[in-house]
């Protein structure tokens, strides 16, 4: 799907193919260096191209997971993954994560990705979308609230970065059945 954002930035959002593995790895290496909002330190992301290709293949074949890539002029600028479960007691919900290259922050990409995630969760017939976000990340919290997510709880000291403990905000969105 091609989208033109409010600032005339033209992006393409699509599900991955196995051949995207190297570009996804390059993206993850860069985004892990740029932000401390993700779960890994830069040196902790150690997947090989083959492993990333296997991950993409698994997601493509899954009934409970999806992945979306956002490109600008053939440059991968954002990834997101939706993860669900096949277990009866958990298959009503999905969780997700979004990463955007720093130079593309605050351009509306997060909103386009959120719309895509919500649409996909509905197509998977899920009842709820969940996420965790650093409690000191107001831009991300604002994005999620804009789409109707509500704070459901705080995990005290749920994140540790730069020798500091940071609370994690648990948020959820109930979808129409």
Protein backbone atom coordinates (compact mmCIF):
# COMPACT_ATOMS: atom_id res chain seq x y z
CA UNK A 1 0.00 0.00 0.00
CA UNK A 2 1.36 3.41 -0.95
CA UNK A 3 0.62 6.38 1.29
CA UNK A 4 1.40 10.08 1.04
CA UNK A 5 1.83 11.63 4.48
CA UNK A 6 0.84 15.17 5.45
CA UNK A 7 4.36 16.41 4.66
CA UNK A 8 4.22 14.89 1.12
CA UNK A 9 6.49 12.04 2.19
CA UNK A 10 5.65 9.04 0.00
CA UNK A 11 5.91 5.70 1.76
CA UNK A 12 5.10 2.11 0.96
CA UNK A 13 3.86 -0.24 3.67
CA UNK A 14 3.78 -3.96 3.04
CA UNK A 15 4.31 -7.37 4.55
CA UNK A 16 7.84 -8.76 4.18
CA UNK A 17 9.23 -11.33 1.82
CA UNK A 18 12.16 -13.56 2.75
CA UNK A 19 14.43 -11.54 0.47
CA UNK A 20 13.96 -8.55 2.81
CA UNK A 21 16.03 -10.28 5.51
CA UNK A 22 19.27 -8.34 4.95
CA UNK A 23 17.48 -5.00 4.81
CA UNK A 24 15.62 -5.83 8.04
CA UNK A 25 18.90 -6.72 9.74
CA UNK A 26 20.51 -3.47 8.57
CA UNK A 27 17.48 -1.55 9.84
CA UNK A 28 17.53 -3.29 13.24
CA UNK A 29 21.25 -2.63 13.64
CA UNK A 30 20.71 1.07 12.98
CA UNK A 31 17.55 1.53 15.05
CA UNK A 32 19.06 -0.34 18.01
CA UNK A 33 21.93 2.19 18.00
CA UNK A 34 19.58 5.18 17.69
CA UNK A 35 17.10 4.54 20.47
CA UNK A 36 16.99 3.21 24.00
CA UNK A 37 13.26 2.53 23.79
CA UNK A 38 13.69 -0.99 22.40
CA UNK A 39 14.35 -4.09 24.48
CA UNK A 40 17.87 -4.79 23.18
CA UNK A 41 21.22 -3.11 23.50
CA UNK A 42 22.87 -2.77 20.06
CA UNK A 43 25.31 -5.65 20.69
CA UNK A 44 22.46 -7.97 21.75
CA UNK A 45 20.91 -8.14 18.28
CA UNK A 46 22.85 -11.02 16.79
CA UNK A 47 20.58 -12.59 14.18
CA UNK A 48 22.12 -13.75 10.93
CA UNK A 49 20.55 -13.19 7.52
CA UNK A 50 19.53 -16.85 7.50
CA UNK A 51 17.89 -16.57 10.94
CA UNK A 52 16.06 -13.38 9.94
CA UNK A 53 14.88 -15.11 6.76
CA UNK A 54 13.57 -18.00 8.87
CA UNK A 55 11.82 -15.55 11.19
CA UNK A 56 10.18 -13.79 8.23
CA UNK A 57 9.15 -17.16 6.76
CA UNK A 58 7.57 -18.18 10.08
CA UNK A 59 5.66 -14.89 10.29
CA UNK A 60 4.45 -15.18 6.69
CA UNK A 61 3.14 -18.69 7.36
CA UNK A 62 1.63 -17.87 10.78
CA UNK A 63 -2.05 -17.40 11.51
CA UNK A 64 -1.17 -15.49 14.67
CA UNK A 65 1.66 -13.14 13.67
CA UNK A 66 2.20 -10.43 11.09
CA UNK A 67 4.99 -8.09 10.17
CA UNK A 68 4.90 -4.79 8.31
CA UNK A 69 7.74 -2.93 6.65
CA UNK A 70 7.65 0.76 5.71
CA UNK A 71 9.86 2.02 2.88
CA UNK A 72 10.74 5.50 1.66
CA UNK A 73 12.52 5.46 -1.72
CA UNK A 74 13.42 1.77 -1.20
CA UNK A 75 14.96 2.52 2.22
CA UNK A 76 13.46 0.53 5.09
CA UNK A 77 12.43 3.15 7.67
CA UNK A 78 10.05 1.27 9.97
CA UNK A 79 9.20 -2.25 11.08
CA UNK A 80 6.40 -3.61 13.20
CA UNK A 81 5.49 -7.07 14.38
CA UNK A 82 2.18 -8.35 15.71
CA UNK A 83 2.37 -11.45 17.89
CA UNK A 84 -0.52 -13.60 19.00
CA UNK A 85 -1.07 -17.07 20.36
CA UNK A 86 -2.84 -20.24 19.26
CA UNK A 87 -3.73 -21.06 22.87
CA UNK A 88 -7.48 -20.85 23.43
CA UNK A 89 -7.14 -18.71 26.55
CA UNK A 90 -4.83 -16.21 24.84
CA UNK A 91 -5.81 -16.19 21.17
CA UNK A 92 -8.28 -13.34 21.65
CA UNK A 93 -5.42 -10.83 21.85
CA UNK A 94 -2.21 -9.72 20.15
CA UNK A 95 0.73 -7.60 21.20
CA UNK A 96 2.97 -5.57 18.96
CA UNK A 97 6.06 -3.42 18.66
CA UNK A 98 6.96 -0.60 16.29
CA UNK A 99 10.37 0.80 15.35
CA UNK A 100 10.97 3.90 13.22
CA UNK A 101 14.31 5.36 12.19
CA UNK A 102 15.00 8.52 14.18
CA UNK A 103 15.17 10.82 11.14
CA UNK A 104 11.61 9.75 10.23
CA UNK A 105 10.06 10.34 13.67
CA UNK A 106 7.09 12.70 13.98
CA UNK A 107 6.15 12.45 10.29
CA UNK A 108 2.97 10.40 10.69
CA UNK A 109 4.53 6.99 10.04
CA UNK A 110 3.50 5.70 13.47
CA UNK A 111 -0.12 6.60 12.75
CA UNK A 112 -0.11 4.77 9.41
CA UNK A 113 1.45 1.73 11.07
CA UNK A 114 -1.08 1.85 13.94
CA UNK A 115 -3.97 1.91 11.45
CA UNK A 116 -2.43 -1.08 9.68
CA UNK A 117 -1.93 -3.00 12.93
CA UNK A 118 -5.48 -2.35 14.11
CA UNK A 119 -6.89 -3.41 10.73
CA UNK A 120 -4.80 -6.58 10.78
CA UNK A 121 -5.80 -7.43 14.36
CA UNK A 122 -9.45 -7.08 13.36
CA UNK A 123 -8.92 -9.30 10.30
CA UNK A 124 -7.38 -11.90 12.62
CA UNK A 125 -10.60 -11.63 14.65
CA UNK A 126 -8.79 -10.50 17.78
CA UNK A 127 -10.63 -8.82 20.62
CA UNK A 128 -7.71 -6.91 22.15
CA UNK A 129 -4.37 -5.35 21.29
CA UNK A 130 -1.78 -4.95 24.07
CA UNK A 131 1.56 -3.23 24.36
CA UNK A 132 4.19 -2.07 26.81
CA UNK A 133 5.94 1.28 26.48
CA UNK A 134 8.48 3.13 28.56
CA UNK A 135 6.57 5.40 30.90
CA UNK A 136 8.98 8.23 30.03
CA UNK A 137 8.20 8.07 26.28
CA UNK A 138 5.43 10.69 25.90
CA UNK A 139 5.46 10.67 22.08
CA UNK A 140 4.72 6.96 21.90
CA UNK A 141 2.12 7.17 24.67
CA UNK A 142 0.41 10.04 22.84
CA UNK A 143 0.31 7.99 19.61
CA UNK A 144 -1.27 5.01 21.35
CA UNK A 145 -3.81 7.17 23.21
CA UNK A 146 -4.72 8.85 19.91
CA UNK A 147 -5.86 5.43 18.69
CA UNK A 148 -7.86 4.69 21.84
CA UNK A 149 -5.37 2.70 23.87
CA UNK A 150 -5.82 3.04 27.62
CA UNK A 151 -3.32 2.58 30.42
CA UNK A 152 -4.05 -0.66 32.24
CA UNK A 153 -1.16 -0.66 34.66
CA UNK A 154 2.40 0.26 35.45
CA UNK A 155 5.20 -2.29 35.82
CA UNK A 156 7.52 -0.65 38.33
CA UNK A 157 11.17 -0.81 37.28
CA UNK A 158 10.18 -2.93 34.27
CA UNK A 159 13.02 -1.60 32.10
CA UNK A 160 16.69 -1.03 32.86
CA UNK A 161 18.83 1.25 30.71
CA UNK A 162 21.79 3.55 31.38
CA UNK A 163 22.05 2.29 34.97
CA UNK A 164 18.46 3.41 35.69
CA UNK A 165 15.23 1.55 36.27
CA UNK A 166 12.29 2.86 34.27
CA UNK A 167 8.63 2.01 34.69
CA UNK A 168 6.76 0.34 31.83
CA UNK A 169 3.23 1.38 31.01
CA UNK A 170 0.91 -1.44 30.00
CA UNK A 171 -1.72 -0.28 27.51
CA UNK A 172 -4.59 -1.99 25.76
CA UNK A 173 -7.22 -1.40 23.11
CA UNK A 174 -10.45 -3.37 23.00
CA UNK A 175 -11.66 -3.96 19.47
CA UNK A 176 -15.27 -4.24 18.41
CA UNK A 177 -16.42 -7.83 18.10
